[in-house]
Amino acid sequence: MRFFKVTSWIRILVGISIVILGATSIWAKEVKEIKIGTLIPLTGSLSALGINAKYGCDLASAEINEAGGIKSLGGAKIKMVHGDSEGKADTGISVAERLVKQEGVSACLSGPQSGVTFATTQLTEKYQIPHMVTGSVADEITSRGFKYVFRIIPRATMWSLSQLKLAEDMRKQGHKVQNIALFYEDTLWGQSQAKIWREKKGDFNIVADLSYPNATSDLTVSVTKLKAAKPDVVFICSYVSDAILMTKTMFEMDFNCQGIVGSGAGPEDPMFYKNLGELTENIMTIAQFTDELNPFCKEKGQKYQKIFNQPMGGHSGNAYAGIYVLADALQRAGSTDSKKIREALANTNICSGPAKNILPVPCVKFDATGQMDFWAVIVQWKKGILLPVWPSEFAKAKPVWPMPTWKERGLKK
């Protein structure tokens, strides 16, 4: 009798435990929303780029939510919590602290500005919050042994190498390309690009190495030095306001060379063409996104234009891809626990779908440092369109090289 009573109690307790564990499992999956915080400049001199990144995040999160959210978490919806870094590292750190401690974000996403992202990733690493970098390229961001930082675009080294490889290819095609000039803004981004140009220049001669203050109001002295150096090609690294001023000054001072090749950002930004029109013709730049890359990009660019009434740019495209990569990790993690999300990100291997289609890669995957490295696509302005011209597997046309001079094009100041 006693044995029966003990056995009965054991059965009851086991039954209760199963119910509790089952309920706990269900409750653990009942997540209504997952917060993803952004650290982007929504005000200040680079606000246009930050707003582009914001819109890219908003478009991706809306699509994911409309498709049923994160299904492994019971259809939980992604909620974007946008933080304004104001383009300042100290402000970015404060915003990151708020996103982590007060908002309780499961992950963060950074757009433009390497200097700000370098600082904010230190804080998110401290709190073990996955941080997706979609618009900052300085090598140093992913070379510090951090475990929670992931970047879906090439680092500065690959950007600089892509520009140098383009110049080498032009030389192989019979063009006399020997003397190069470096023209870059003086923040961490510009300094990183210039460092690689110097280290990896090979047998090219650097005839001008010109830095200038970011958001400067006058580049006359710099362009005067550039003109005196007579380079065959100029590699530039600038945000959009500087790129506009630089191009205007080159035109006004009748500076000509075989090729001008930008490092994304400024010459890639839709505002570059909007402000300069035909002066942009034949200028090249690395592009983080162009709707001429493939049919998916074309479709997404049209959708973006319709919703936000502006063209989809590089920071929009990469932020869009970044949210999809985070959503994929959340789906596989089946949890909002930061360590599980981080582990899922480290094992990312996306070979189809929106994230892969918007990036010029066979598959989205990260190396041990959280980095993706690949040749950067170089585009050339053609009647207001960014047309891919290098490397050959992505090219839609051959590059116009050398560029016709301003006078040959019938342009006079």
Protein backbone atom coordinates (compact mmCIF):
# COMPACT_ATOMS: atom_id res chain seq x y z
CA MET A 1 0.00 0.00 0.00
CA ARG A 2 2.77 2.37 0.96
CA PHE A 3 4.62 1.47 -2.23
CA PHE A 4 1.50 2.26 -4.22
CA LYS A 5 1.12 5.69 -2.58
CA VAL A 6 4.78 6.58 -3.17
CA THR A 7 4.57 5.42 -6.77
CA SER A 8 1.41 7.43 -7.30
CA TRP A 9 2.98 10.56 -5.90
CA ILE A 10 6.01 10.09 -8.14
CA ARG A 11 3.72 9.75 -11.13
CA ILE A 12 1.84 12.89 -10.16
CA LEU A 13 5.05 14.88 -9.66
CA VAL A 14 6.46 13.68 -12.96
CA GLY A 15 3.21 14.66 -14.67
CA ILE A 16 3.28 18.12 -13.12
CA SER A 17 6.92 18.54 -14.15
CA ILE A 18 6.13 17.63 -17.73
CA VAL A 19 3.28 20.16 -17.81
CA ILE A 20 5.47 22.88 -16.30
CA LEU A 21 8.38 22.16 -18.65
CA GLY A 22 6.04 22.09 -21.61
CA ALA A 23 4.48 25.37 -20.59
CA THR A 24 7.90 26.90 -20.03
CA SER A 25 8.93 25.83 -23.53
CA ILE A 26 5.81 27.44 -24.97
CA TRP A 27 6.22 30.60 -22.91
CA ALA A 28 9.88 30.87 -23.98
CA LYS A 29 8.76 31.03 -27.61
CA GLU A 30 6.00 33.56 -27.03
CA VAL A 31 7.98 36.62 -28.04
CA LYS A 32 5.88 39.41 -29.50
CA GLU A 33 8.69 41.60 -30.79
CA ILE A 34 12.45 41.59 -31.19
CA LYS A 35 14.20 44.93 -30.89
CA ILE A 36 17.08 45.75 -33.22
CA GLY A 37 18.83 49.04 -32.53
CA THR A 38 20.59 51.20 -35.09
CA LEU A 39 23.55 53.52 -34.58
CA ILE A 40 23.42 55.91 -37.52
CA PRO A 41 23.76 59.67 -38.12
CA LEU A 42 20.20 60.95 -38.47
CA THR A 43 21.31 64.55 -37.93
CA GLY A 44 24.53 66.34 -38.81
CA SER A 45 26.58 66.51 -42.00
CA LEU A 46 26.11 62.82 -42.85
CA SER A 47 22.41 62.62 -42.02
CA ALA A 48 21.52 61.82 -45.66
CA LEU A 49 23.55 58.61 -45.45
CA GLY A 50 22.08 57.76 -42.07
CA ILE A 51 18.55 58.27 -43.32
CA ASN A 52 19.33 56.01 -46.29
CA ALA A 53 20.43 53.29 -43.86
CA LYS A 54 17.32 53.85 -41.72
CA TYR A 55 15.04 53.44 -44.72
CA GLY A 56 16.86 50.26 -45.75
CA CYS A 57 16.28 48.81 -42.27
CA ASP A 58 12.63 49.88 -42.30
CA LEU A 59 11.99 48.30 -45.69
CA ALA A 60 13.57 44.97 -44.73
CA SER A 61 11.90 44.75 -41.31
CA ALA A 62 8.50 45.57 -42.84
CA GLU A 63 8.92 42.81 -45.45
CA ILE A 64 10.00 40.28 -42.82
CA ASN A 65 7.09 41.16 -40.55
CA GLU A 66 4.58 41.01 -43.40
CA ALA A 67 5.91 37.54 -44.29
CA GLY A 68 5.12 36.25 -40.80
CA GLY A 69 8.00 37.53 -38.68
CA ILE A 70 10.49 35.17 -37.02
CA LYS A 71 8.61 31.91 -37.20
CA SER A 72 10.84 29.99 -34.78
CA LEU A 73 9.83 32.57 -32.19
CA GLY A 74 6.11 32.25 -32.79
CA GLY A 75 5.99 34.89 -35.51
CA ALA A 76 7.66 37.59 -33.40
CA LYS A 77 7.91 40.90 -35.24
CA ILE A 78 11.09 42.92 -35.66
CA LYS A 79 10.92 46.36 -34.08
CA MET A 80 13.53 48.86 -35.23
CA VAL A 81 14.79 51.23 -32.55
CA HIS A 82 16.71 53.94 -34.39
CA GLY A 83 19.48 55.74 -32.55
CA ASP A 84 20.99 59.01 -33.78
CA SER A 85 24.78 59.10 -33.39
CA GLU A 86 24.80 62.68 -34.76
CA GLY A 87 28.03 61.67 -36.49
CA LYS A 88 29.94 61.79 -33.19
CA ALA A 89 31.74 58.90 -31.49
CA ASP A 90 30.89 59.99 -27.93
CA THR A 91 27.21 60.45 -28.82
CA GLY A 92 27.21 57.06 -30.53
CA ILE A 93 28.54 55.41 -27.37
CA SER A 94 25.83 57.07 -25.26
CA VAL A 95 23.15 55.97 -27.70
CA ALA A 96 24.52 52.43 -27.76
CA GLU A 97 24.44 52.33 -23.96
CA ARG A 98 20.78 53.40 -24.00
CA LEU A 99 19.84 50.86 -26.66
CA VAL A 100 21.42 48.02 -24.69
CA LYS A 101 20.48 48.95 -21.12
CA GLN A 102 17.15 50.73 -21.51
CA GLU A 103 15.69 49.46 -24.77
CA GLY A 104 16.94 45.90 -24.35
CA VAL A 105 17.87 45.39 -28.00
CA SER A 106 18.83 41.90 -29.14
CA ALA A 107 21.25 43.23 -31.77
CA CYS A 108 22.60 46.48 -33.18
CA LEU A 109 23.29 47.69 -36.71
CA SER A 110 25.74 50.40 -37.75
CA GLY A 111 25.69 52.32 -41.01
CA PRO A 112 28.23 54.93 -42.16
CA GLN A 113 31.22 56.45 -40.31
CA SER A 114 34.08 54.16 -39.37
CA GLY A 115 35.20 56.38 -36.49
CA VAL A 116 31.80 56.16 -34.80
CA THR A 117 31.38 52.44 -35.51
CA PHE A 118 34.88 51.71 -34.16
CA ALA A 119 33.79 53.24 -30.85
CA THR A 120 30.26 51.80 -30.60
CA THR A 121 31.37 48.25 -31.39
CA GLN A 122 33.64 48.38 -28.35
CA LEU A 123 30.62 48.99 -26.15
CA THR A 124 28.40 46.33 -27.73
CA GLU A 125 31.27 43.83 -27.48
CA LYS A 126 31.51 44.62 -23.77
CA TYR A 127 27.82 43.76 -23.31
CA GLN A 128 27.99 40.81 -25.74
CA ILE A 129 25.39 42.23 -28.12
CA PRO A 130 25.69 41.15 -31.78
CA HIS A 131 26.58 44.15 -33.94
CA MET A 132 25.99 44.14 -37.71
CA VAL A 133 28.19 46.62 -39.60
CA THR A 134 26.75 47.62 -42.97
CA GLY A 135 28.44 50.86 -43.96
CA SER A 136 31.79 51.38 -42.16
CA VAL A 137 34.86 49.87 -43.83
CA ALA A 138 37.96 50.66 -41.71
CA ASP A 139 39.98 47.46 -41.28
CA GLU A 140 40.37 48.10 -37.57
CA ILE A 141 36.67 47.46 -36.88
CA THR A 142 37.01 43.70 -37.45
CA SER A 143 40.71 43.23 -36.63
CA ARG A 144 40.49 43.46 -32.83
CA GLY A 145 39.51 39.88 -32.09
CA PHE A 146 35.91 40.81 -31.22
CA LYS A 147 33.37 37.98 -31.22
CA TYR A 148 30.12 39.94 -31.56
CA VAL A 149 30.99 42.15 -34.56
CA PHE A 150 29.98 41.08 -38.08
CA ARG A 151 30.44 43.07 -41.30
CA ILE A 152 28.69 42.30 -44.58
CA ILE A 153 30.79 44.57 -46.79
CA PRO A 154 34.49 44.39 -47.72
CA ARG A 155 36.97 46.09 -45.40
CA ALA A 156 38.99 49.08 -46.57
CA THR A 157 41.81 46.85 -47.78
CA MET A 158 39.57 45.18 -50.36
CA TRP A 159 38.18 48.52 -51.51
CA SER A 160 41.66 49.94 -52.08
CA LEU A 161 42.86 46.75 -53.75
CA SER A 162 39.84 46.82 -56.07
CA GLN A 163 40.71 50.35 -57.19
CA LEU A 164 44.36 49.43 -57.76
CA LYS A 165 43.38 46.27 -59.63
CA LEU A 166 41.13 48.32 -61.92
CA ALA A 167 44.09 50.60 -62.74
CA GLU A 168 46.25 47.53 -63.42
CA ASP A 169 43.62 46.11 -65.76
CA MET A 170 43.45 49.41 -67.67
CA ARG A 171 47.21 49.27 -68.06
CA LYS A 172 46.99 45.70 -69.39
CA GLN A 173 44.53 46.98 -71.99
CA GLY A 174 47.21 49.31 -73.34
CA HIS A 175 46.61 52.52 -71.41
CA LYS A 176 49.63 54.27 -69.95
CA VAL A 177 48.72 54.30 -66.26
CA GLN A 178 51.69 54.90 -63.99
CA ASN A 179 51.18 57.93 -61.77
CA ILE A 180 48.45 57.91 -59.16
CA ALA A 181 47.14 60.56 -56.77
CA LEU A 182 45.44 60.00 -53.41
CA PHE A 183 42.76 62.49 -52.38
CA TYR A 184 40.94 61.68 -49.13
CA GLU A 185 39.11 63.06 -46.11
CA ASP A 186 41.04 62.91 -42.81
CA THR A 187 38.84 60.74 -40.56
CA LEU A 188 39.49 57.05 -39.80
CA TRP A 189 37.81 56.01 -43.06
CA GLY A 190 39.96 58.17 -45.33
CA GLN A 191 43.13 57.38 -43.42
CA SER A 192 42.42 53.64 -43.67
CA GLN A 193 41.92 53.81 -47.44
CA ALA A 194 45.05 55.89 -47.97
CA LYS A 195 47.16 53.57 -45.82
CA ILE A 196 46.29 50.61 -48.03
CA TRP A 197 46.84 52.57 -51.26
CA ARG A 198 50.37 53.36 -50.06
CA GLU A 199 51.14 49.84 -48.89
CA LYS A 200 49.70 48.02 -51.91
CA LYS A 201 50.54 50.43 -54.75
CA GLY A 202 53.01 48.01 -56.35
CA ASP A 203 54.96 49.77 -59.12
CA PHE A 204 52.55 52.72 -59.37
CA ASN A 205 54.07 56.10 -58.53
CA ILE A 206 52.23 58.22 -55.96
CA VAL A 207 52.64 61.75 -57.28
CA ALA A 208 50.21 63.40 -54.83
CA ASP A 209 49.05 62.37 -51.35
CA LEU A 210 46.42 64.90 -50.30
CA SER A 211 44.21 64.80 -47.22
CA TYR A 212 41.67 67.46 -46.30
CA PRO A 213 39.34 68.14 -43.34
CA ASN A 214 36.04 66.29 -43.56
CA ALA A 215 33.15 68.62 -44.52
CA THR A 216 35.56 71.29 -45.74
CA SER A 217 34.34 74.44 -47.49
CA ASP A 218 37.25 74.95 -49.90
CA LEU A 219 39.41 72.53 -51.89
CA THR A 220 41.08 75.05 -54.21
CA VAL A 221 44.57 74.59 -52.75
CA SER A 222 44.29 70.79 -52.86
CA VAL A 223 43.09 70.72 -56.49
CA THR A 224 45.87 73.18 -57.43
CA LYS A 225 48.40 70.68 -56.04
CA LEU A 226 46.62 67.83 -57.78
CA LYS A 227 46.73 69.61 -61.12
CA ALA A 228 50.45 70.33 -60.75
CA ALA A 229 51.14 66.63 -60.00
CA LYS A 230 49.58 65.50 -63.32
CA PRO A 231 48.40 62.03 -62.20
CA ASP A 232 47.02 59.46 -64.63
CA VAL A 233 44.35 58.40 -62.14
CA VAL A 234 42.99 59.84 -58.89
CA PHE A 235 41.68 57.67 -56.08
CA ILE A 236 39.33 59.65 -53.90
CA CYS A 237 37.73 58.94 -50.53
CA SER A 238 35.02 61.42 -49.61
CA TYR A 239 31.52 61.85 -48.25
CA VAL A 240 28.93 63.40 -50.52
CA SER A 241 29.29 67.13 -49.68
CA ASP A 242 33.07 66.90 -50.17
CA ALA A 243 32.70 64.85 -53.36
CA ILE A 244 30.37 67.49 -54.81
CA LEU A 245 32.76 70.30 -53.89
CA MET A 246 35.74 68.33 -55.21
CA THR A 247 34.13 67.71 -58.59
CA LYS A 248 33.00 71.32 -58.97
CA THR A 249 36.51 72.54 -58.13
CA MET A 250 38.10 70.11 -60.61
CA PHE A 251 35.75 71.39 -63.30
CA GLU A 252 36.32 75.07 -62.49
CA MET A 253 40.10 74.59 -62.47
CA ASP A 254 40.02 72.40 -65.61
CA PHE A 255 41.70 69.42 -63.95
CA ASN A 256 41.69 66.32 -66.16
CA CYS A 257 43.11 62.81 -65.92
CA GLN A 258 42.44 59.35 -67.31
CA GLY A 259 40.22 58.23 -64.46
CA ILE A 260 38.68 59.35 -61.17
CA VAL A 261 37.78 56.40 -58.94
CA GLY A 262 35.89 56.96 -55.70
CA SER A 263 35.60 54.79 -52.58
CA GLY A 264 31.83 54.70 -52.40
CA ALA A 265 29.90 57.10 -50.12
CA GLY A 266 30.25 60.49 -51.85
CA PRO A 267 30.40 59.70 -55.60
CA GLU A 268 28.02 56.78 -55.06
CA ASP A 269 25.35 58.81 -53.26
CA PRO A 270 22.24 59.75 -55.31
CA MET A 271 22.77 63.35 -54.13
CA PHE A 272 26.04 63.42 -56.08
CA TYR A 273 24.22 63.27 -59.41
CA LYS A 274 21.30 65.38 -58.19
CA ASN A 275 23.68 68.25 -57.41
CA LEU A 276 26.13 67.87 -60.29
CA GLY A 277 24.19 66.44 -63.23
CA GLU A 278 26.36 66.04 -66.32
CA LEU A 279 29.56 66.81 -64.38
CA THR A 280 29.34 63.29 -62.94
CA GLU A 281 29.56 61.60 -66.35
CA ASN A 282 32.30 58.90 -66.51
CA ILE A 283 33.37 59.32 -62.87
CA MET A 284 33.86 55.89 -61.31
CA THR A 285 33.32 54.71 -57.77
CA ILE A 286 32.98 51.60 -55.70
CA ALA A 287 29.28 50.95 -55.19
CA GLN A 288 27.72 49.19 -52.25
CA PHE A 289 24.47 48.99 -54.20
CA THR A 290 23.23 49.69 -57.69
CA ASP A 291 19.86 48.69 -59.09
CA GLU A 292 21.68 47.80 -62.32
CA LEU A 293 23.42 44.85 -60.64
CA ASN A 294 20.65 42.29 -61.19
CA PRO A 295 16.83 42.04 -61.61
CA PHE A 296 16.28 41.70 -57.85
CA CYS A 297 18.15 44.95 -57.19
CA LYS A 298 16.17 46.65 -59.95
CA GLU A 299 12.88 45.50 -58.41
CA LYS A 300 13.94 46.49 -54.90
CA GLY A 301 15.20 49.86 -56.08
CA GLN A 302 11.85 50.61 -57.69
CA LYS A 303 9.98 49.58 -54.54
CA TYR A 304 12.25 51.74 -52.39
CA GLN A 305 11.76 54.73 -54.70
CA LYS A 306 8.00 54.35 -54.54
CA ILE A 307 7.88 54.15 -50.74
CA PHE A 308 10.52 56.71 -49.77
CA ASN A 309 10.46 58.97 -52.83
CA GLN A 310 14.23 58.80 -53.34
CA PRO A 311 16.70 56.41 -55.01
CA MET A 312 18.01 53.42 -53.09
CA GLY A 313 21.70 53.97 -52.35
CA GLY A 314 24.57 51.93 -50.97
CA HIS A 315 23.77 52.46 -47.32
CA SER A 316 20.13 51.62 -47.98
CA GLY A 317 21.00 48.38 -49.76
CA ASN A 318 23.50 47.19 -47.20
CA ALA A 319 21.27 48.02 -44.24
CA TYR A 320 18.46 46.14 -45.98
CA ALA A 321 20.73 43.11 -46.37
CA GLY A 322 21.96 43.44 -42.78
CA ILE A 323 18.46 43.16 -41.34
CA TYR A 324 17.78 40.05 -43.42
CA VAL A 325 21.03 38.47 -42.19
CA LEU A 326 20.04 39.21 -38.59
CA ALA A 327 16.55 37.78 -39.23
CA ASP A 328 18.11 34.60 -40.61
CA ALA A 329 20.26 34.27 -37.47
CA LEU A 330 17.25 34.86 -35.20
CA GLN A 331 15.28 32.21 -37.08
CA ARG A 332 18.06 29.64 -36.67
CA ALA A 333 18.78 30.61 -33.06
CA GLY A 334 15.12 30.38 -32.10
CA SER A 335 15.96 32.70 -29.25
CA THR A 336 16.57 36.34 -28.34
CA ASP A 337 19.57 35.32 -26.22
CA SER A 338 22.54 37.32 -27.51
CA LYS A 339 24.99 34.43 -27.24
CA LYS A 340 22.76 32.15 -29.30
CA ILE A 341 22.24 34.88 -31.91
CA ARG A 342 25.99 35.42 -32.07
CA GLU A 343 26.58 31.69 -32.59
CA ALA A 344 23.99 31.64 -35.37
CA LEU A 345 25.61 34.63 -37.07
CA ALA A 346 29.01 32.95 -36.95
CA ASN A 347 27.50 29.97 -38.81
CA THR A 348 25.67 32.04 -41.43
CA ASN A 349 25.59 30.57 -44.92
CA ILE A 350 22.93 32.32 -47.01
CA CYS A 351 23.07 31.34 -50.68
CA SER A 352 19.63 32.56 -51.80
CA GLY A 353 17.06 35.16 -50.90
CA PRO A 354 17.12 38.95 -50.36
CA ALA A 355 20.43 39.29 -48.47
CA LYS A 356 22.38 37.28 -51.01
CA ASN A 357 20.68 38.87 -54.02
CA ILE A 358 21.39 42.44 -52.98
CA LEU A 359 25.09 41.77 -52.34
CA PRO A 360 27.56 40.81 -55.13
CA VAL A 361 28.52 37.50 -53.49
CA PRO A 362 27.83 33.77 -54.12
CA CYS A 363 26.82 33.31 -50.46
CA VAL A 364 26.69 35.42 -47.31
CA LYS A 365 29.10 33.95 -44.77
CA PHE A 366 31.64 35.30 -42.28
CA ASP A 367 35.22 34.36 -41.53
CA ALA A 368 36.59 33.89 -38.01
CA THR A 369 36.89 37.67 -37.54
CA GLY A 370 33.26 38.31 -38.50
CA GLN A 371 34.31 39.73 -41.87
CA MET A 372 33.12 39.18 -45.43
CA ASP A 373 35.77 39.93 -48.04
CA PHE A 374 35.19 40.11 -51.79
CA TRP A 375 36.12 42.32 -54.73
CA ALA A 376 34.20 45.56 -54.56
CA VAL A 377 32.03 46.36 -57.59
CA ILE A 378 33.11 49.50 -59.43
CA VAL A 379 30.49 51.50 -61.30
CA GLN A 380 30.64 54.45 -63.69
CA TRP A 381 28.14 57.30 -63.95
CA LYS A 382 26.29 57.09 -67.27
CA LYS A 383 23.54 59.69 -67.81
CA GLY A 384 22.50 59.55 -64.18
CA ILE A 385 22.81 55.78 -63.84
CA LEU A 386 25.47 53.87 -61.90
CA LEU A 387 26.48 51.20 -64.41
CA PRO A 388 28.68 48.30 -63.18
CA VAL A 389 31.92 48.20 -65.21
CA TRP A 390 34.29 46.11 -63.02
CA PRO A 391 35.00 43.26 -62.29
CA SER A 392 33.98 41.55 -65.49
CA GLU A 393 31.57 39.06 -63.87
CA PHE A 394 29.35 41.93 -62.74
CA ALA A 395 30.03 44.40 -65.55
CA LYS A 396 27.14 45.60 -67.69
CA ALA A 397 29.43 47.71 -69.92
CA LYS A 398 33.11 48.34 -70.54
CA PRO A 399 34.57 51.30 -68.64
CA VAL A 400 35.08 54.54 -70.56
CA TRP A 401 38.84 55.00 -70.15
CA PRO A 402 40.38 57.49 -70.45
CA MET A 403 37.69 59.97 -69.46
CA PRO A 404 37.11 62.67 -72.08
CA THR A 405 38.27 66.07 -70.81
CA TRP A 406 35.73 68.71 -69.79
CA LYS A 407 36.43 70.62 -73.01
CA GLU A 408 36.15 67.49 -75.17
CA ARG A 409 32.69 67.05 -73.68
CA GLY A 410 31.81 70.66 -74.54
CA LEU A 411 31.60 71.74 -70.88
CA LYS A 412 32.82 75.20 -69.95
CA LYS A 413 32.67 76.99 -66.60
